[in-house]
PDB file of N, CA and C in Angstrom:
ATOM      1  N   MET A   1      54.038  97.474 125.810  1.00  0.00           N
ATOM      2  CA  MET A   1      54.893  96.409 125.331  1.00  0.00           C
ATOM      3  C   MET A   1      55.218  96.564 123.879  1.00  0.00           C
ATOM      4  N   PRO A   2      54.328  96.917 122.899  1.00  0.00           N
ATOM      5  CA  PRO A   2      54.702  97.095 121.526  1.00  0.00           C
ATOM      6  C   PRO A   2      55.771  98.143 121.358  1.00  0.00           C
ATOM      7  N   ARG A   3      55.757  99.187 122.226  1.00  0.00           N
ATOM      8  CA  ARG A   3      56.735 100.232 122.098  1.00  0.00           C
ATOM      9  C   ARG A   3      58.140  99.755 122.289  1.00  0.00           C
ATOM     10  N   THR A   4      58.376  98.871 123.261  1.00  0.00           N
ATOM     11  CA  THR A   4      59.667  98.280 123.465  1.00  0.00           C
ATOM     12  C   THR A   4      60.104  97.471 122.265  1.00  0.00           C
ATOM     13  N   THR A   5      59.222  96.721 121.706  1.00  0.00           N
ATOM     14  CA  THR A   5      59.565  95.883 120.475  1.00  0.00           C
ATOM     15  C   THR A   5      59.990  96.814 119.378  1.00  0.00           C
ATOM     16  N   LEU A   6      59.244  97.963 119.206  1.00  0.00           N
ATOM     17  CA  LEU A   6      59.585  98.901 118.114  1.00  0.00           C
ATOM     18  C   LEU A   6      60.978  99.468 118.357  1.00  0.00           C
ATOM     19  N   THR A   7      61.262  99.798 119.530  1.00  0.00           N
ATOM     20  CA  THR A   7      62.643 100.359 119.848  1.00  0.00           C
ATOM     21  C   THR A   7      63.733  99.342 119.571  1.00  0.00           C
ATOM     22  N   GLN A   8      63.524  98.150 119.911  1.00  0.00           N
ATOM     23  CA  GLN A   8      64.526  97.057 119.638  1.00  0.00           C
ATOM     24  C   GLN A   8      64.700  96.848 118.102  1.00  0.00           C
ATOM     25  N   ARG A   9      63.621  96.948 117.473  1.00  0.00           N
ATOM     26  CA  ARG A   9      63.705  96.755 115.975  1.00  0.00           C
ATOM     27  C   ARG A   9      64.510  97.918 115.335  1.00  0.00           C
ATOM     28  N   ILE A  10      64.282  99.124 115.743  1.00  0.00           N
ATOM     29  CA  ILE A  10      65.018 100.185 115.233  1.00  0.00           C
ATOM     30  C   ILE A  10      66.503 100.048 115.518  1.00  0.00           C
ATOM     31  N   ASN A  11      66.834  99.698 116.686  1.00  0.00           N
ATOM     32  CA  ASN A  11      68.242  99.469 117.023  1.00  0.00           C
ATOM     33  C   ASN A  11      68.896  98.402 116.192  1.00  0.00           C
ATOM     34  N   ILE A  12      68.192  97.284 115.926  1.00  0.00           N
ATOM     35  CA  ILE A  12      68.693  96.185 115.124  1.00  0.00           C
ATOM     36  C   ILE A  12      68.916  96.724 113.670  1.00  0.00           C
ATOM     37  N   ASP A  13      68.001  97.451 113.122  1.00  0.00           N
ATOM     38  CA  ASP A  13      68.102  97.982 111.760  1.00  0.00           C
ATOM     39  C   ASP A  13      69.320  98.979 111.663  1.00  0.00           C
ATOM     40  N   SER A  14      69.452  99.860 112.642  1.00  0.00           N
ATOM     41  CA  SER A  14      70.542 100.842 112.603  1.00  0.00           C
ATOM     42  C   SER A  14      71.901 100.065 112.709  1.00  0.00           C
ATOM     43  N   MET A  15      71.948  99.006 113.427  1.00  0.00           N
ATOM     44  CA  MET A  15      73.194  98.189 113.484  1.00  0.00           C
ATOM     45  C   MET A  15      73.506  97.708 112.110  1.00  0.00           C
ATOM     46  N   LYS A  16      72.590  97.175 111.480  1.00  0.00           N
ATOM     47  CA  LYS A  16      72.748  96.596 110.110  1.00  0.00           C
ATOM     48  C   LYS A  16      73.297  97.661 109.078  1.00  0.00           C
ATOM     49  N   ILE A  17      72.705  98.837 109.164  1.00  0.00           N
ATOM     50  CA  ILE A  17      73.103  99.971 108.349  1.00  0.00           C
ATOM     51  C   ILE A  17      74.564 100.360 108.629  1.00  0.00           C
ATOM     52  N   LYS A  18      74.868 100.381 109.922  1.00  0.00           N
ATOM     53  CA  LYS A  18      76.218 100.749 110.368  1.00  0.00           C
ATOM     54  C   LYS A  18      77.231  99.660 109.802  1.00  0.00           C
ATOM     55  N   ASP A  19      76.846  98.392 109.919  1.00  0.00           N
ATOM     56  CA  ASP A  19      77.776  97.380 109.383  1.00  0.00           C
ATOM     57  C   ASP A  19      77.935  97.456 107.938  1.00  0.00           C
ATOM     58  N   LEU A  20      76.870  97.834 107.151  1.00  0.00           N
ATOM     59  CA  LEU A  20      77.036  98.038 105.692  1.00  0.00           C
ATOM     60  C   LEU A  20      77.921  99.161 105.359  1.00  0.00           C
ATOM     61  N   ILE A  21      77.845 100.237 106.104  1.00  0.00           N
ATOM     62  CA  ILE A  21      78.660 101.424 105.879  1.00  0.00           C
ATOM     63  C   ILE A  21      80.121 101.086 106.179  1.00  0.00           C
ATOM     64  N   GLU A  22      80.429 100.409 107.265  1.00  0.00           N
ATOM     65  CA  GLU A  22      81.755  99.990 107.571  1.00  0.00           C
ATOM     66  C   GLU A  22      82.352  99.111 106.493  1.00  0.00           C
ATOM     67  N   ASN A  23      81.573  98.169 105.966  1.00  0.00           N
ATOM     68  CA  ASN A  23      82.088  97.238 104.934  1.00  0.00           C
ATOM     69  C   ASN A  23      82.310  98.054 103.646  1.00  0.00           C
ATOM     70  N   PHE A  24      81.485  99.026 103.317  1.00  0.00           N
ATOM     71  CA  PHE A  24      81.637  99.788 102.136  1.00  0.00           C
ATOM     72  C   PHE A  24      82.917 100.630 102.257  1.00  0.00           C
ATOM     73  N   GLU A  25      83.113 101.228 103.393  1.00  0.00           N
ATOM     74  CA  GLU A  25      84.364 102.044 103.592  1.00  0.00           C
ATOM     75  C   GLU A  25      85.621 101.150 103.561  1.00  0.00           C
ATOM     76  N   ALA A  26      85.538  99.904 104.021  1.00  0.00           N
ATOM     77  CA  ALA A  26      86.638  99.002 103.953  1.00  0.00           C
ATOM     78  C   ALA A  26      86.968  98.683 102.515  1.00  0.00           C
ATOM     79  N   ASP A  27      85.951  98.460 101.681  1.00  0.00           N
ATOM     80  CA  ASP A  27      86.178  98.165 100.283  1.00  0.00           C
ATOM     81  C   ASP A  27      86.878  99.380  99.553  1.00  0.00           C
ATOM     82  N   LEU A  28      86.546 100.577 100.005  1.00  0.00           N
ATOM     83  CA  LEU A  28      87.216 101.751  99.346  1.00  0.00           C
ATOM     84  C   LEU A  28      88.661 101.855  99.691  1.00  0.00           C
ATOM     85  N   ASP A  29      89.087 101.347 100.840  1.00  0.00           N
ATOM     86  CA  ASP A  29      90.489 101.432 101.233  1.00  0.00           C
ATOM     87  C   ASP A  29      91.334 100.360 100.614  1.00  0.00           C
ATOM     88  N   GLU A  30      90.752  99.334  99.965  1.00  0.00           N
ATOM     89  CA  GLU A  30      91.567  98.326  99.347  1.00  0.00           C
ATOM     90  C   GLU A  30      92.423  98.847  98.226  1.00  0.00           C
ATOM     91  N   LYS A  31      93.665  98.336  98.128  1.00  0.00           N
ATOM     92  CA  LYS A  31      94.532  98.815  97.017  1.00  0.00           C
ATOM     93  C   LYS A  31      94.335  97.939  95.809  1.00  0.00           C
ATOM     94  N   ALA A  32      94.671  98.540  94.653  1.00  0.00           N
ATOM     95  CA  ALA A  32      94.505  97.734  93.412  1.00  0.00           C
ATOM     96  C   ALA A  32      95.570  96.616  93.337  1.00  0.00           C
ATOM     97  N   SER A  33      95.218  95.538  92.767  1.00  0.00           N
ATOM     98  CA  SER A  33      96.141  94.410  92.731  1.00  0.00           C
ATOM     99  C   SER A  33      97.300  94.760  91.837  1.00  0.00           C
ATOM    100  N   ARG A  34      98.499  94.073  92.052  1.00  0.00           N
ATOM    101  CA  ARG A  34      99.608  94.283  91.218  1.00  0.00           C
ATOM    102  C   ARG A  34      99.362  93.793  89.810  1.00  0.00           C
ATOM    103  N   LYS A  35      98.606  92.689  89.686  1.00  0.00           N
ATOM    104  CA  LYS A  35      98.301  92.134  88.355  1.00  0.00           C
ATOM    105  C   LYS A  35      97.510  93.188  87.505  1.00  0.00           C
ATOM    106  N   LEU A  36      96.579  93.836  88.135  1.00  0.00           N
ATOM    107  CA  LEU A  36      95.821  94.863  87.441  1.00  0.00           C
ATOM    108  C   LEU A  36      96.710  96.089  87.020  1.00  0.00           C
ATOM    109  N   CYS A  37      97.542  96.443  87.970  1.00  0.00           N
ATOM    110  CA  CYS A  37      98.399  97.610  87.751  1.00  0.00           C
ATOM    111  C   CYS A  37      99.435  97.406  86.569  1.00  0.00           C
ATOM    112  N   VAL A  38      99.976  96.242  86.532  1.00  0.00           N
ATOM    113  CA  VAL A  38     100.988  96.003  85.522  1.00  0.00           C
ATOM    114  C   VAL A  38     100.480  95.382  84.264  1.00  0.00           C
ATOM    115  N   SER A  39      99.146  95.290  84.139  1.00  0.00           N
ATOM    116  CA  SER A  39      98.487  94.757  82.976  1.00  0.00           C
ATOM    117  C   SER A  39      98.655  95.763  81.824  1.00  0.00           C
ATOM    118  N   ARG A  40      98.281  95.319  80.627  1.00  0.00           N
ATOM    119  CA  ARG A  40      98.391  96.203  79.431  1.00  0.00           C
ATOM    120  C   ARG A  40      97.159  97.095  79.266  1.00  0.00           C
ATOM    121  N   ARG A  41      96.252  97.064  80.184  1.00  0.00           N
ATOM    122  CA  ARG A  41      95.076  97.951  80.158  1.00  0.00           C
ATOM    123  C   ARG A  41      95.492  99.376  80.140  1.00  0.00           C
ATOM    124  N   SER A  42      94.868 100.190  79.363  1.00  0.00           N
ATOM    125  CA  SER A  42      95.190 101.643  79.319  1.00  0.00           C
ATOM    126  C   SER A  42      94.663 102.293  80.545  1.00  0.00           C
ATOM    127  N   ASP A  43      95.167 103.493  80.829  1.00  0.00           N
ATOM    128  CA  ASP A  43      94.755 104.244  82.010  1.00  0.00           C
ATOM    129  C   ASP A  43      93.234 104.565  81.911  1.00  0.00           C
ATOM    130  N   ASP A  44      92.765 104.797  80.675  1.00  0.00           N
ATOM    131  CA  ASP A  44      91.343 105.163  80.488  1.00  0.00           C
ATOM    132  C   ASP A  44      90.421 103.955  80.814  1.00  0.00           C
ATOM    133  N   ASP A  45      90.945 102.789  80.647  1.00  0.00           N
ATOM    134  CA  ASP A  45      90.125 101.624  80.900  1.00  0.00           C
ATOM    135  C   ASP A  45      90.026 101.230  82.367  1.00  0.00           C
ATOM    136  N   LEU A  46      90.956 101.716  83.155  1.00  0.00           N
ATOM    137  CA  LEU A  46      90.914 101.473  84.649  1.00  0.00           C
ATOM    138  C   LEU A  46      89.969 102.457  85.229  1.00  0.00           C
ATOM    139  N   GLY A  47      89.388 102.109  86.386  1.00  0.00           N
ATOM    140  CA  GLY A  47      88.587 103.049  87.150  1.00  0.00           C
ATOM    141  C   GLY A  47      89.502 104.116  87.803  1.00  0.00           C
ATOM    142  N   ALA A  48      88.997 105.253  88.183  1.00  0.00           N
ATOM    143  CA  ALA A  48      89.791 106.348  88.715  1.00  0.00           C
ATOM    144  C   ALA A  48      90.450 105.902  90.015  1.00  0.00           C
ATOM    145  N   SER A  49      89.728 105.201  90.923  1.00  0.00           N
ATOM    146  CA  SER A  49      90.285 104.736  92.114  1.00  0.00           C
ATOM    147  C   SER A  49      91.473 103.760  91.972  1.00  0.00           C
ATOM    148  N   ASN A  50      91.294 102.757  91.041  1.00  0.00           N
ATOM    149  CA  ASN A  50      92.339 101.797  90.786  1.00  0.00           C
ATOM    150  C   ASN A  50      93.530 102.456  90.186  1.00  0.00           C
ATOM    151  N   LEU A  51      93.309 103.407  89.234  1.00  0.00           N
ATOM    152  CA  LEU A  51      94.421 104.111  88.578  1.00  0.00           C
ATOM    153  C   LEU A  51      95.247 104.934  89.637  1.00  0.00           C
ATOM    154  N   ALA A  52      94.561 105.641  90.564  1.00  0.00           N
ATOM    155  CA  ALA A  52      95.212 106.407  91.612  1.00  0.00           C
ATOM    156  C   ALA A  52      95.986 105.445  92.539  1.00  0.00           C
ATOM    157  N   SER A  53      95.450 104.239  92.844  1.00  0.00           N
ATOM    158  CA  SER A  53      96.094 103.341  93.704  1.00  0.00           C
ATOM    159  C   SER A  53      97.385 102.775  92.994  1.00  0.00           C
ATOM    160  N   CYS A  54      97.262 102.529  91.724  1.00  0.00           N
ATOM    161  CA  CYS A  54      98.403 101.967  90.926  1.00  0.00           C
ATOM    162  C   CYS A  54      99.562 103.026  90.969  1.00  0.00           C
ATOM    163  N   LYS A  55      99.185 104.294  90.761  1.00  0.00           N
ATOM    164  CA  LYS A  55     100.219 105.305  90.741  1.00  0.00           C
ATOM    165  C   LYS A  55     100.818 105.415  92.107  1.00  0.00           C
ATOM    166  N   SER A  56     100.071 105.433  93.119  1.00  0.00           N
ATOM    167  CA  SER A  56     100.546 105.541  94.488  1.00  0.00           C
ATOM    168  C   SER A  56     101.510 104.376  94.877  1.00  0.00           C
ATOM    169  N   GLN A  57     101.221 103.196  94.354  1.00  0.00           N
ATOM    170  CA  GLN A  57     102.112 102.047  94.581  1.00  0.00           C
ATOM    171  C   GLN A  57     103.379 102.044  93.812  1.00  0.00           C
ATOM    172  N   GLY A  58     103.403 103.022  92.834  1.00  0.00           N
ATOM    173  CA  GLY A  58     104.590 103.111  91.977  1.00  0.00           C
ATOM    174  C   GLY A  58     104.604 102.060  90.816  1.00  0.00           C
ATOM    175  N   LEU A  59     103.420 101.535  90.455  1.00  0.00           N
ATOM    176  CA  LEU A  59     103.345 100.578  89.467  1.00  0.00           C
ATOM    177  C   LEU A  59     102.845 101.163  88.096  1.00  0.00           C
ATOM    178  N   ARG A  60     102.453 102.350  88.087  1.00  0.00           N
ATOM    179  CA  ARG A  60     102.081 103.047  86.872  1.00  0.00           C
ATOM    180  C   ARG A  60     102.698 104.429  86.885  1.00  0.00           C
ATOM    181  N   ALA A  61     103.076 104.906  85.738  1.00  0.00           N
ATOM    182  CA  ALA A  61     103.730 106.255  85.649  1.00  0.00           C
ATOM    183  C   ALA A  61     102.695 107.333  85.929  1.00  0.00           C
ATOM    184  N   ARG A  62     103.182 108.371  86.558  1.00  0.00           N
ATOM    185  CA  ARG A  62     102.276 109.505  86.862  1.00  0.00           C
ATOM    186  C   ARG A  62     102.248 110.468  85.672  1.00  0.00           C
ATOM    187  N   ASP A  63     101.216 111.248  85.526  1.00  0.00           N
ATOM    188  CA  ASP A  63     101.135 112.179  84.431  1.00  0.00           C
ATOM    189  C   ASP A  63     100.949 113.609  84.938  1.00  0.00           C
ATOM    190  N   GLY A  64     101.081 114.579  84.064  1.00  0.00           N
ATOM    191  CA  GLY A  64     100.887 115.919  84.415  1.00  0.00           C
ATOM    192  C   GLY A  64     102.222 116.636  84.578  1.00  0.00           C
ATOM    193  N   ASN A  65     102.171 117.904  84.817  1.00  0.00           N
ATOM    194  CA  ASN A  65     103.360 118.693  84.870  1.00  0.00           C
ATOM    195  C   ASN A  65     103.709 119.198  86.313  1.00  0.00           C
ATOM    196  N   LYS A  66     103.094 118.527  87.262  1.00  0.00           N
ATOM    197  CA  LYS A  66     103.224 118.905  88.701  1.00  0.00           C
ATOM    198  C   LYS A  66     104.665 118.479  89.191  1.00  0.00           C
ATOM    199  N   SER A  67     105.188 119.373  90.032  1.00  0.00           N
ATOM    200  CA  SER A  67     106.485 119.157  90.605  1.00  0.00           C
ATOM    201  C   SER A  67     106.306 119.086  92.134  1.00  0.00           C
ATOM    202  N   HIS A  68     107.148 118.273  92.782  1.00  0.00           N
ATOM    203  CA  HIS A  68     107.123 118.049  94.206  1.00  0.00           C
ATOM    204  C   HIS A  68     108.548 118.096  94.694  1.00  0.00           C
ATOM    205  N   LYS A  69     108.688 118.464  96.026  1.00  0.00           N
ATOM    206  CA  LYS A  69     109.980 118.369  96.674  1.00  0.00           C
ATOM    207  C   LYS A  69     110.133 116.932  97.144  1.00  0.00           C
ATOM    208  N   LEU A  70     111.131 116.258  96.663  1.00  0.00           N
ATOM    209  CA  LEU A  70     111.358 114.860  97.026  1.00  0.00           C
ATOM    210  C   LEU A  70     112.428 114.647  98.078  1.00  0.00           C
ATOM    211  N   GLY A  71     113.023 115.764  98.440  1.00  0.00           N
ATOM    212  CA  GLY A  71     114.086 115.742  99.463  1.00  0.00           C
ATOM    213  C   GLY A  71     114.106 117.024 100.236  1.00  0.00           C
ATOM    214  N   LYS A  72     115.243 117.339 100.889  1.00  0.00           N
ATOM    215  CA  LYS A  72     115.325 118.522 101.677  1.00  0.00           C
ATOM    216  C   LYS A  72     116.168 119.623 101.039  1.00  0.00           C
ATOM    217  N   GLY A  73     116.905 119.284 100.045  1.00  0.00           N
ATOM    218  CA  GLY A  73     117.860 120.233  99.446  1.00  0.00           C
ATOM    219  C   GLY A  73     117.109 121.151  98.495  1.00  0.00           C
ATOM    220  N   PRO A  74     117.769 122.269  98.103  1.00  0.00           N
ATOM    221  CA  PRO A  74     117.123 123.241  97.208  1.00  0.00           C
ATOM    222  C   PRO A  74     116.940 122.723  95.810  1.00  0.00           C
ATOM    223  N   THR A  75     117.644 121.667  95.411  1.00  0.00           N
ATOM    224  CA  THR A  75     117.489 121.082  94.049  1.00  0.00           C
ATOM    225  C   THR A  75     116.643 119.862  94.057  1.00  0.00           C
ATOM    226  N   SER A  76     115.966 119.649  95.116  1.00  0.00           N
ATOM    227  CA  SER A  76     115.120 118.414  95.198  1.00  0.00           C
ATOM    228  C   SER A  76     113.775 118.485  94.527  1.00  0.00           C
ATOM    229  N   ARG A  77     113.386 119.647  94.030  1.00  0.00           N
ATOM    230  CA  ARG A  77     112.073 119.805  93.320  1.00  0.00           C
ATOM    231  C   ARG A  77     112.182 119.093  91.977  1.00  0.00           C
ATOM    232  N   THR A  78     111.291 118.156  91.752  1.00  0.00           N
ATOM    233  CA  THR A  78     111.299 117.313  90.547  1.00  0.00           C
ATOM    234  C   THR A  78     109.921 117.227  89.947  1.00  0.00           C
ATOM    235  N   LYS A  79     109.841 117.275  88.636  1.00  0.00           N
ATOM    236  CA  LYS A  79     108.505 117.025  87.952  1.00  0.00           C
ATOM    237  C   LYS A  79     108.331 115.575  87.927  1.00  0.00           C
ATOM    238  N   VAL A  80     107.069 115.167  88.320  1.00  0.00           N
ATOM    239  CA  VAL A  80     106.804 113.735  88.525  1.00  0.00           C
ATOM    240  C   VAL A  80     106.134 113.112  87.348  1.00  0.00           C
ATOM    241  N   GLY A  81     105.764 113.911  86.329  1.00  0.00           N
ATOM    242  CA  GLY A  81     105.117 113.392  85.155  1.00  0.00           C
ATOM    243  C   GLY A  81     105.985 112.362  84.415  1.00  0.00           C
ATOM    244  N   GLY A  82     105.375 111.173  84.065  1.00  0.00           N
ATOM    245  CA  GLY A  82     106.113 110.179  83.345  1.00  0.00           C
ATOM    246  C   GLY A  82     106.970 109.321  84.220  1.00  0.00           C
ATOM    247  N   LYS A  83     106.990 109.509  85.557  1.00  0.00           N
ATOM    248  CA  LYS A  83     107.847 108.712  86.406  1.00  0.00           C
ATOM    249  C   LYS A  83     107.026 107.850  87.310  1.00  0.00           C
ATOM    250  N   LYS A  84     107.595 106.723  87.682  1.00  0.00           N
ATOM    251  CA  LYS A  84     106.946 105.804  88.674  1.00  0.00           C
ATOM    252  C   LYS A  84     107.468 106.093  90.000  1.00  0.00           C
ATOM    253  N   ILE A  85     106.748 106.922  90.771  1.00  0.00           N
ATOM    254  CA  ILE A  85     107.233 107.321  92.122  1.00  0.00           C
ATOM    255  C   ILE A  85     106.190 106.909  93.083  1.00  0.00           C
ATOM    256  N   LYS A  86     106.584 106.204  94.138  1.00  0.00           N
ATOM    257  CA  LYS A  86     105.597 105.767  95.185  1.00  0.00           C
ATOM    258  C   LYS A  86     105.125 106.950  96.056  1.00  0.00           C
ATOM    259  N   GLY A  87     103.914 106.786  96.524  1.00  0.00           N
ATOM    260  CA  GLY A  87     103.378 107.697  97.546  1.00  0.00           C
ATOM    261  C   GLY A  87     103.819 107.326  98.933  1.00  0.00           C
ATOM    262  N   LYS A  88     103.606 108.238  99.877  1.00  0.00           N
ATOM    263  CA  LYS A  88     104.075 108.013 101.244  1.00  0.00           C
ATOM    264  C   LYS A  88     103.507 106.761 101.897  1.00  0.00           C
ATOM    265  N   ARG A  89     102.238 106.458 101.542  1.00  0.00           N
ATOM    266  CA  ARG A  89     101.580 105.296 102.141  1.00  0.00           C
ATOM    267  C   ARG A  89     102.261 103.966 101.771  1.00  0.00           C
ATOM    268  N   TYR A  90     102.959 103.957 100.664  1.00  0.00           N
ATOM    269  CA  TYR A  90     103.641 102.734 100.193  1.00  0.00           C
ATOM    270  C   TYR A  90     105.197 102.882 100.316  1.00  0.00           C
ATOM    271  N   GLY A  91     105.649 103.817 101.141  1.00  0.00           N
ATOM    272  CA  GLY A  91     107.076 103.895 101.365  1.00  0.00           C
ATOM    273  C   GLY A  91     107.817 104.775 100.441  1.00  0.00           C
ATOM    274  N   GLY A  92     107.088 105.646  99.738  1.00  0.00           N
ATOM    275  CA  GLY A  92     107.736 106.519  98.791  1.00  0.00           C
ATOM    276  C   GLY A  92     107.857 107.973  99.356  1.00  0.00           C
ATOM    277  N   PRO A  93     108.464 108.883  98.560  1.00  0.00           N
ATOM    278  CA  PRO A  93     108.682 110.251  99.024  1.00  0.00           C
ATOM    279  C   PRO A  93     107.489 111.151  98.779  1.00  0.00           C
ATOM    280  N   LEU A  94     106.566 110.805  97.915  1.00  0.00           N
ATOM    281  CA  LEU A  94     105.453 111.789  97.630  1.00  0.00           C
ATOM    282  C   LEU A  94     104.511 111.877  98.817  1.00  0.00           C
ATOM    283  N   PRO A  95     104.116 113.103  99.215  1.00  0.00           N
ATOM    284  CA  PRO A  95     103.189 113.329 100.282  1.00  0.00           C
ATOM    285  C   PRO A  95     101.734 112.918  99.959  1.00  0.00           C
ATOM    286  N   ASP A  96     100.997 112.568 100.977  1.00  0.00           N
ATOM    287  CA  ASP A  96      99.585 112.195 100.787  1.00  0.00           C
ATOM    288  C   ASP A  96      98.801 113.427 101.148  1.00  0.00           C
ATOM    289  N   TRP A  97      98.087 114.015 100.102  1.00  0.00           N
ATOM    290  CA  TRP A  97      97.334 115.249 100.309  1.00  0.00           C
ATOM    291  C   TRP A  97      95.893 115.026 100.667  1.00  0.00           C
ATOM    292  N   SER A  98      95.424 113.768 100.890  1.00  0.00           N
ATOM    293  CA  SER A  98      94.022 113.569 101.143  1.00  0.00           C
ATOM    294  C   SER A  98      93.664 113.796 102.574  1.00  0.00           C
TER     295      SER A  98
END
């Protein structure tokens, strides 16, 4: 009889851990709020995840010298540094590489 009780207890505990993991993953998928993205906070003061989310939503300018093809024509390659361009997830032309 104690063996059955032990098995049930392990199953209950593993369910709780699974629920915690699912909640944690759901928190990671949340986008940064518009209020945070358009605030006067510097990029250095935002967390990396929030900054990436703001850039993907097109609410903060991108940085760097990277260029992407934003269309199908031969002249569609554009440097994205300093521009507010949305990512694919938010209806923009930039691809999602994750």
